[in-house]
Amino acid sequence: MEECPCCGWPESQVYEVLSRHLTSEGVVTYTRCACGEPQVRVQPFGPGEVVAAGRADVPPPDRP
């Protein structure tokens, strides 16, 4: 589903977040569309991208 079947509001633009819950499978978010239609969205857990890594006891390498 890319848009609300009732009014055509884009799915990518959340109108109102009602609640958000962590589950064993991921994050479940209950939202409401601009027309009032409730929606349930599931974002499954998956491997995340490493955005920072390092050790505090090792100095960074010298760079020219």
C-alpha atoms as a PDB file:
ATOM      1  CA  MET A   1       0.000   0.000   0.000  1.00  0.00           C
ATOM      2  CA  GLU A   2       1.523   3.310  -1.054  1.00  0.00           C
ATOM      3  CA  GLU A   3      -1.435   5.505  -0.184  1.00  0.00           C
ATOM      4  CA  CYS A   4      -4.562   5.376   1.953  1.00  0.00           C
ATOM      5  CA  PRO A   5      -7.262   3.361   0.177  1.00  0.00           C
ATOM      6  CA  CYS A   6      -9.928   5.707   1.579  1.00  0.00           C
ATOM      7  CA  CYS A   7      -8.548   9.141   0.712  1.00  0.00           C
ATOM      8  CA  GLY A   8      -5.264   8.724  -1.196  1.00  0.00           C
ATOM      9  CA  TRP A   9      -3.064  10.325   1.491  1.00  0.00           C
ATOM     10  CA  PRO A  10       0.579   9.217   0.891  1.00  0.00           C
ATOM     11  CA  GLU A  11       1.688   6.410   3.205  1.00  0.00           C
ATOM     12  CA  SER A  12       5.119   8.025   3.553  1.00  0.00           C
ATOM     13  CA  GLN A  13       3.553  11.077   5.277  1.00  0.00           C
ATOM     14  CA  VAL A  14       2.330   9.995   8.706  1.00  0.00           C
ATOM     15  CA  TYR A  15      -0.511  12.319   9.730  1.00  0.00           C
ATOM     16  CA  GLU A  16      -0.739  11.361  13.432  1.00  0.00           C
ATOM     17  CA  VAL A  17       1.108   8.789  15.558  1.00  0.00           C
ATOM     18  CA  LEU A  18      -1.234   7.229  18.111  1.00  0.00           C
ATOM     19  CA  SER A  19       1.246   4.867  19.781  1.00  0.00           C
ATOM     20  CA  ARG A  20       4.490   3.006  19.184  1.00  0.00           C
ATOM     21  CA  HIS A  21       5.523  -0.300  20.766  1.00  0.00           C
ATOM     22  CA  LEU A  22       8.657  -2.438  20.757  1.00  0.00           C
ATOM     23  CA  THR A  23       7.942  -6.112  20.129  1.00  0.00           C
ATOM     24  CA  SER A  24      10.120  -9.177  19.645  1.00  0.00           C
ATOM     25  CA  GLU A  25       9.687  -8.763  15.871  1.00  0.00           C
ATOM     26  CA  GLY A  26      10.322  -5.016  15.587  1.00  0.00           C
ATOM     27  CA  VAL A  27       8.489  -1.744  16.133  1.00  0.00           C
ATOM     28  CA  VAL A  28       4.709  -1.580  15.732  1.00  0.00           C
ATOM     29  CA  THR A  29       3.292   1.916  15.183  1.00  0.00           C
ATOM     30  CA  TYR A  30      -0.399   2.763  15.255  1.00  0.00           C
ATOM     31  CA  THR A  31      -1.160   5.847  13.166  1.00  0.00           C
ATOM     32  CA  ARG A  32      -4.161   7.771  11.913  1.00  0.00           C
ATOM     33  CA  CYS A  33      -4.513   9.012   8.354  1.00  0.00           C
ATOM     34  CA  ALA A  34      -5.682  12.549   7.517  1.00  0.00           C
ATOM     35  CA  CYS A  35      -9.158  11.096   6.801  1.00  0.00           C
ATOM     36  CA  GLY A  36      -9.294   9.429  10.232  1.00  0.00           C
ATOM     37  CA  GLU A  37      -8.602   5.857   9.056  1.00  0.00           C
ATOM     38  CA  PRO A  38      -6.427   3.974  11.612  1.00  0.00           C
ATOM     39  CA  GLN A  39      -3.327   2.221  10.269  1.00  0.00           C
ATOM     40  CA  VAL A  40      -0.853  -0.271  11.716  1.00  0.00           C
ATOM     41  CA  ARG A  41       2.753  -0.116  10.542  1.00  0.00           C
ATOM     42  CA  VAL A  42       5.434  -2.704  11.329  1.00  0.00           C
ATOM     43  CA  GLN A  43       9.141  -1.989  11.021  1.00  0.00           C
ATOM     44  CA  PRO A  44      10.982  -5.294  11.463  1.00  0.00           C
ATOM     45  CA  PHE A  45      14.284  -5.491  13.279  1.00  0.00           C
ATOM     46  CA  GLY A  46      17.253  -6.115  11.027  1.00  0.00           C
ATOM     47  CA  PRO A  47      20.981  -5.712  11.021  1.00  0.00           C
ATOM     48  CA  GLY A  48      21.856  -2.061  11.314  1.00  0.00           C
ATOM     49  CA  GLU A  49      24.575  -0.121   9.570  1.00  0.00           C
ATOM     50  CA  VAL A  50      27.714   0.581  11.599  1.00  0.00           C
ATOM     51  CA  VAL A  51      27.929   4.353  11.923  1.00  0.00           C
ATOM     52  CA  ALA A  52      30.804   4.568  14.417  1.00  0.00           C
ATOM     53  CA  ALA A  53      33.322   2.138  15.821  1.00  0.00           C
ATOM     54  CA  GLY A  54      36.502   2.348  17.776  1.00  0.00           C
ATOM     55  CA  ARG A  55      38.254   1.602  20.997  1.00  0.00           C
ATOM     56  CA  ALA A  56      38.973   4.223  23.614  1.00  0.00           C
ATOM     57  CA  ASP A  57      42.381   2.704  24.485  1.00  0.00           C
ATOM     58  CA  VAL A  58      43.774   2.886  20.929  1.00  0.00           C
ATOM     59  CA  PRO A  59      44.782   6.301  19.519  1.00  0.00           C
ATOM     60  CA  PRO A  60      43.633   7.133  15.978  1.00  0.00           C
ATOM     61  CA  PRO A  61      46.203   6.596  13.197  1.00  0.00           C
ATOM     62  CA  ASP A  62      48.286   9.540  12.027  1.00  0.00           C
ATOM     63  CA  ARG A  63      47.019  10.966   8.780  1.00  0.00           C
ATOM     64  CA  PRO A  64      48.900  13.364   6.498  1.00  0.00           C
END
